[in-house]
Amino acid sequence: MLGSAIVVLHVLVGYRDRPMGIELLFYAVTFAAIAALMRIVGARAARVARLEANAGSST
């Protein structure tokens, strides 16, 4: 079962069981960028929700 999943990953995204250092670097940079963007968007959404809640309670 695991072998067939690895074959599918290899075909779809070029998965290798021993990635080169540059690939690991790009994986880490991509993960960090996604995490940072999620944090930024989440903070904005929380700020908007807080402002809307405050506006709704004052009327």
PDB file of N, CA and C in Angstrom:
ATOM      1  N   MET A   1       0.828  -1.201   0.000  1.00  0.00           N
ATOM      2  CA  MET A   1       0.000   0.000   0.000  1.00  0.00           C
ATOM      3  C   MET A   1       0.866   1.256   0.000  1.00  0.00           C
ATOM      4  N   LEU A   2       1.845   1.324   0.908  1.00  0.00           N
ATOM      5  CA  LEU A   2       2.711   2.497   0.986  1.00  0.00           C
ATOM      6  C   LEU A   2       3.533   2.642  -0.282  1.00  0.00           C
ATOM      7  N   GLY A   3       3.956   1.537  -0.850  1.00  0.00           N
ATOM      8  CA  GLY A   3       4.735   1.593  -2.085  1.00  0.00           C
ATOM      9  C   GLY A   3       3.958   2.222  -3.230  1.00  0.00           C
ATOM     10  N   SER A   4       2.687   1.884  -3.346  1.00  0.00           N
ATOM     11  CA  SER A   4       1.882   2.460  -4.426  1.00  0.00           C
ATOM     12  C   SER A   4       1.631   3.946  -4.189  1.00  0.00           C
ATOM     13  N   ALA A   5       1.494   4.370  -2.928  1.00  0.00           N
ATOM     14  CA  ALA A   5       1.321   5.793  -2.626  1.00  0.00           C
ATOM     15  C   ALA A   5       2.571   6.572  -3.010  1.00  0.00           C
ATOM     16  N   ILE A   6       3.731   6.010  -2.766  1.00  0.00           N
ATOM     17  CA  ILE A   6       4.989   6.669  -3.125  1.00  0.00           C
ATOM     18  C   ILE A   6       5.121   6.770  -4.635  1.00  0.00           C
ATOM     19  N   VAL A   7       4.706   5.740  -5.348  1.00  0.00           N
ATOM     20  CA  VAL A   7       4.754   5.777  -6.810  1.00  0.00           C
ATOM     21  C   VAL A   7       3.834   6.881  -7.334  1.00  0.00           C
ATOM     22  N   VAL A   8       2.640   7.000  -6.764  1.00  0.00           N
ATOM     23  CA  VAL A   8       1.709   8.052  -7.188  1.00  0.00           C
ATOM     24  C   VAL A   8       2.316   9.426  -6.915  1.00  0.00           C
ATOM     25  N   LEU A   9       2.899   9.632  -5.730  1.00  0.00           N
ATOM     26  CA  LEU A   9       3.546  10.905  -5.417  1.00  0.00           C
ATOM     27  C   LEU A   9       4.689  11.192  -6.379  1.00  0.00           C
ATOM     28  N   HIS A  10       5.454  10.185  -6.702  1.00  0.00           N
ATOM     29  CA  HIS A  10       6.572  10.362  -7.628  1.00  0.00           C
ATOM     30  C   HIS A  10       6.071  10.813  -8.996  1.00  0.00           C
ATOM     31  N   VAL A  11       5.012  10.200  -9.465  1.00  0.00           N
ATOM     32  CA  VAL A  11       4.467  10.542 -10.781  1.00  0.00           C
ATOM     33  C   VAL A  11       3.856  11.941 -10.773  1.00  0.00           C
ATOM     34  N   LEU A  12       3.095  12.274  -9.737  1.00  0.00           N
ATOM     35  CA  LEU A  12       2.371  13.547  -9.707  1.00  0.00           C
ATOM     36  C   LEU A  12       3.262  14.749  -9.422  1.00  0.00           C
ATOM     37  N   VAL A  13       4.149  14.630  -8.450  1.00  0.00           N
ATOM     38  CA  VAL A  13       4.919  15.802  -8.017  1.00  0.00           C
ATOM     39  C   VAL A  13       6.426  15.593  -8.036  1.00  0.00           C
ATOM     40  N   GLY A  14       6.885  14.517  -8.592  1.00  0.00           N
ATOM     41  CA  GLY A  14       8.325  14.299  -8.659  1.00  0.00           C
ATOM     42  C   GLY A  14       8.935  13.933  -7.319  1.00  0.00           C
ATOM     43  N   TYR A  15       8.171  13.250  -6.468  1.00  0.00           N
ATOM     44  CA  TYR A  15       8.640  12.858  -5.144  1.00  0.00           C
ATOM     45  C   TYR A  15       9.878  11.979  -5.242  1.00  0.00           C
ATOM     46  N   ARG A  16      10.836  12.249  -4.365  1.00  0.00           N
ATOM     47  CA  ARG A  16      12.016  11.385  -4.231  1.00  0.00           C
ATOM     48  C   ARG A  16      12.202  11.050  -2.760  1.00  0.00           C
ATOM     49  N   ASP A  17      12.607   9.833  -2.464  1.00  0.00           N
ATOM     50  CA  ASP A  17      12.789   9.446  -1.069  1.00  0.00           C
ATOM     51  C   ASP A  17      14.042  10.072  -0.452  1.00  0.00           C
ATOM     52  N   ARG A  18      14.963  10.559  -1.273  1.00  0.00           N
ATOM     53  CA  ARG A  18      16.154  11.256  -0.770  1.00  0.00           C
ATOM     54  C   ARG A  18      16.325  12.564  -1.538  1.00  0.00           C
ATOM     55  N   PRO A  19      15.590  13.618  -1.131  1.00  0.00           N
ATOM     56  CA  PRO A  19      15.676  14.886  -1.864  1.00  0.00           C
ATOM     57  C   PRO A  19      17.037  15.548  -1.688  1.00  0.00           C
ATOM     58  N   MET A  20      17.420  16.339  -2.681  1.00  0.00           N
ATOM     59  CA  MET A  20      18.671  17.085  -2.613  1.00  0.00           C
ATOM     60  C   MET A  20      18.495  18.242  -1.632  1.00  0.00           C
ATOM     61  N   GLY A  21      19.604  18.803  -1.194  1.00  0.00           N
ATOM     62  CA  GLY A  21      19.568  19.895  -0.235  1.00  0.00           C
ATOM     63  C   GLY A  21      18.789  21.096  -0.724  1.00  0.00           C
ATOM     64  N   ILE A  22      18.924  21.431  -2.000  1.00  0.00           N
ATOM     65  CA  ILE A  22      18.219  22.589  -2.549  1.00  0.00           C
ATOM     66  C   ILE A  22      16.712  22.352  -2.532  1.00  0.00           C
ATOM     67  N   GLU A  23      16.286  21.112  -2.747  1.00  0.00           N
ATOM     68  CA  GLU A  23      14.860  20.794  -2.678  1.00  0.00           C
ATOM     69  C   GLU A  23      14.335  20.980  -1.261  1.00  0.00           C
ATOM     70  N   LEU A  24      15.116  20.535  -0.283  1.00  0.00           N
ATOM     71  CA  LEU A  24      14.715  20.723   1.109  1.00  0.00           C
ATOM     72  C   LEU A  24      14.618  22.204   1.451  1.00  0.00           C
ATOM     73  N   LEU A  25      15.560  22.991   0.930  1.00  0.00           N
ATOM     74  CA  LEU A  25      15.534  24.432   1.156  1.00  0.00           C
ATOM     75  C   LEU A  25      14.257  25.040   0.579  1.00  0.00           C
ATOM     76  N   PHE A  26      13.913  24.676  -0.643  1.00  0.00           N
ATOM     77  CA  PHE A  26      12.701  25.208  -1.258  1.00  0.00           C
ATOM     78  C   PHE A  26      11.441  24.732  -0.540  1.00  0.00           C
ATOM     79  N   TYR A  27      11.427  23.488  -0.058  1.00  0.00           N
ATOM     80  CA  TYR A  27      10.286  23.021   0.730  1.00  0.00           C
ATOM     81  C   TYR A  27      10.131  23.887   1.976  1.00  0.00           C
ATOM     82  N   ALA A  28      11.239  24.152   2.666  1.00  0.00           N
ATOM     83  CA  ALA A  28      11.199  24.948   3.895  1.00  0.00           C
ATOM     84  C   ALA A  28      10.759  26.381   3.611  1.00  0.00           C
ATOM     85  N   VAL A  29      11.292  26.984   2.547  1.00  0.00           N
ATOM     86  CA  VAL A  29      10.918  28.358   2.196  1.00  0.00           C
ATOM     87  C   VAL A  29       9.440  28.421   1.816  1.00  0.00           C
ATOM     88  N   THR A  30       8.974  27.454   1.057  1.00  0.00           N
ATOM     89  CA  THR A  30       7.564  27.419   0.666  1.00  0.00           C
ATOM     90  C   THR A  30       6.668  27.279   1.889  1.00  0.00           C
ATOM     91  N   PHE A  31       7.030  26.382   2.785  1.00  0.00           N
ATOM     92  CA  PHE A  31       6.244  26.192   4.005  1.00  0.00           C
ATOM     93  C   PHE A  31       6.223  27.469   4.842  1.00  0.00           C
ATOM     94  N   ALA A  32       7.373  28.117   4.986  1.00  0.00           N
ATOM     95  CA  ALA A  32       7.446  29.358   5.771  1.00  0.00           C
ATOM     96  C   ALA A  32       6.599  30.463   5.135  1.00  0.00           C
ATOM     97  N   ALA A  33       6.630  30.567   3.811  1.00  0.00           N
ATOM     98  CA  ALA A  33       5.839  31.593   3.122  1.00  0.00           C
ATOM     99  C   ALA A  33       4.345  31.340   3.303  1.00  0.00           C
ATOM    100  N   ILE A  34       3.928  30.092   3.175  1.00  0.00           N
ATOM    101  CA  ILE A  34       2.512  29.756   3.362  1.00  0.00           C
ATOM    102  C   ILE A  34       2.088  30.048   4.797  1.00  0.00           C
ATOM    103  N   ALA A  35       2.918  29.669   5.771  1.00  0.00           N
ATOM    104  CA  ALA A  35       2.591  29.919   7.175  1.00  0.00           C
ATOM    105  C   ALA A  35       2.496  31.415   7.458  1.00  0.00           C
ATOM    106  N   ALA A  36       3.424  32.200   6.915  1.00  0.00           N
ATOM    107  CA  ALA A  36       3.404  33.651   7.135  1.00  0.00           C
ATOM    108  C   ALA A  36       2.160  34.278   6.519  1.00  0.00           C
ATOM    109  N   LEU A  37       1.816  33.877   5.311  1.00  0.00           N
ATOM    110  CA  LEU A  37       0.621  34.420   4.662  1.00  0.00           C
ATOM    111  C   LEU A  37      -0.654  34.029   5.410  1.00  0.00           C
ATOM    112  N   MET A  38      -0.708  32.806   5.914  1.00  0.00           N
ATOM    113  CA  MET A  38      -1.869  32.384   6.690  1.00  0.00           C
ATOM    114  C   MET A  38      -1.999  33.227   7.952  1.00  0.00           C
ATOM    115  N   ARG A  39      -0.879  33.532   8.569  1.00  0.00           N
ATOM    116  CA  ARG A  39      -0.894  34.360   9.778  1.00  0.00           C
ATOM    117  C   ARG A  39      -1.355  35.774   9.480  1.00  0.00           C
ATOM    118  N   ILE A  40      -0.859  36.340   8.395  1.00  0.00           N
ATOM    119  CA  ILE A  40      -1.237  37.705   8.017  1.00  0.00           C
ATOM    120  C   ILE A  40      -2.730  37.774   7.718  1.00  0.00           C
ATOM    121  N   VAL A  41      -3.206  36.852   6.905  1.00  0.00           N
ATOM    122  CA  VAL A  41      -4.626  36.844   6.534  1.00  0.00           C
ATOM    123  C   VAL A  41      -5.492  36.571   7.760  1.00  0.00           C
ATOM    124  N   GLY A  42      -5.057  35.668   8.615  1.00  0.00           N
ATOM    125  CA  GLY A  42      -5.810  35.371   9.834  1.00  0.00           C
ATOM    126  C   GLY A  42      -5.885  36.566  10.764  1.00  0.00           C
ATOM    127  N   ALA A  43      -4.788  37.312  10.874  1.00  0.00           N
ATOM    128  CA  ALA A  43      -4.778  38.499  11.734  1.00  0.00           C
ATOM    129  C   ALA A  43      -5.724  39.563  11.186  1.00  0.00           C
ATOM    130  N   ARG A  44      -5.726  39.736   9.882  1.00  0.00           N
ATOM    131  CA  ARG A  44      -6.649  40.710   9.268  1.00  0.00           C
ATOM    132  C   ARG A  44      -8.095  40.298   9.495  1.00  0.00           C
ATOM    133  N   ALA A  45      -8.385  39.029   9.302  1.00  0.00           N
ATOM    134  CA  ALA A  45      -9.756  38.544   9.483  1.00  0.00           C
ATOM    135  C   ALA A  45     -10.194  38.725  10.931  1.00  0.00           C
ATOM    136  N   ALA A  46      -9.305  38.459  11.877  1.00  0.00           N
ATOM    137  CA  ALA A  46      -9.640  38.638  13.290  1.00  0.00           C
ATOM    138  C   ALA A  46      -9.877  40.110  13.604  1.00  0.00           C
ATOM    139  N   ARG A  47      -9.058  40.988  13.028  1.00  0.00           N
ATOM    140  CA  ARG A  47      -9.215  42.427  13.257  1.00  0.00           C
ATOM    141  C   ARG A  47     -10.557  42.910  12.709  1.00  0.00           C
ATOM    142  N   VAL A  48     -10.910  42.467  11.509  1.00  0.00           N
ATOM    143  CA  VAL A  48     -12.185  42.864  10.901  1.00  0.00           C
ATOM    144  C   VAL A  48     -13.348  42.343  11.742  1.00  0.00           C
ATOM    145  N   ALA A  49     -13.265  41.104  12.181  1.00  0.00           N
ATOM    146  CA  ALA A  49     -14.335  40.530  12.998  1.00  0.00           C
ATOM    147  C   ALA A  49     -14.477  41.295  14.308  1.00  0.00           C
ATOM    148  N   ARG A  50     -13.357  41.662  14.911  1.00  0.00           N
ATOM    149  CA  ARG A  50     -13.387  42.423  16.158  1.00  0.00           C
ATOM    150  C   ARG A  50     -14.020  43.801  15.941  1.00  0.00           C
ATOM    151  N   LEU A  51     -13.641  44.467  14.846  1.00  0.00           N
ATOM    152  CA  LEU A  51     -14.212  45.779  14.541  1.00  0.00           C
ATOM    153  C   LEU A  51     -15.713  45.685  14.280  1.00  0.00           C
ATOM    154  N   GLU A  52     -16.130  44.652  13.555  1.00  0.00           N
ATOM    155  CA  GLU A  52     -17.555  44.467  13.284  1.00  0.00           C
ATOM    156  C   GLU A  52     -18.324  44.179  14.570  1.00  0.00           C
ATOM    157  N   ALA A  53     -17.726  43.405  15.459  1.00  0.00           N
ATOM    158  CA  ALA A  53     -18.382  43.101  16.731  1.00  0.00           C
ATOM    159  C   ALA A  53     -18.508  44.360  17.574  1.00  0.00           C
ATOM    160  N   ASN A  54     -17.473  45.182  17.593  1.00  0.00           N
ATOM    161  CA  ASN A  54     -17.522  46.435  18.351  1.00  0.00           C
ATOM    162  C   ASN A  54     -18.539  47.394  17.747  1.00  0.00           C
ATOM    163  N   ALA A  55     -18.611  47.454  16.435  1.00  0.00           N
ATOM    164  CA  ALA A  55     -19.568  48.344  15.769  1.00  0.00           C
ATOM    165  C   ALA A  55     -20.994  47.880  16.036  1.00  0.00           C
ATOM    166  N   GLY A  56     -21.198  46.588  16.069  1.00  0.00           N
ATOM    167  CA  GLY A  56     -22.532  46.050  16.315  1.00  0.00           C
ATOM    168  C   GLY A  56     -22.983  46.254  17.747  1.00  0.00           C
ATOM    169  N   SER A  57     -22.070  46.241  18.701  1.00  0.00           N
ATOM    170  CA  SER A  57     -22.444  46.397  20.107  1.00  0.00           C
ATOM    171  C   SER A  57     -22.673  47.852  20.489  1.00  0.00           C
ATOM    172  N   SER A  58     -22.152  48.796  19.704  1.00  0.00           N
ATOM    173  CA  SER A  58     -22.309  50.214  20.040  1.00  0.00           C
ATOM    174  C   SER A  58     -23.591  50.809  19.474  1.00  0.00           C
ATOM    175  N   THR A  59     -24.278  50.070  18.597  1.00  0.00           N
ATOM    176  CA  THR A  59     -25.513  50.620  18.014  1.00  0.00           C
ATOM    177  C   THR A  59     -26.734  50.107  18.721  1.00  0.00           C
TER     178      THR A  59
END
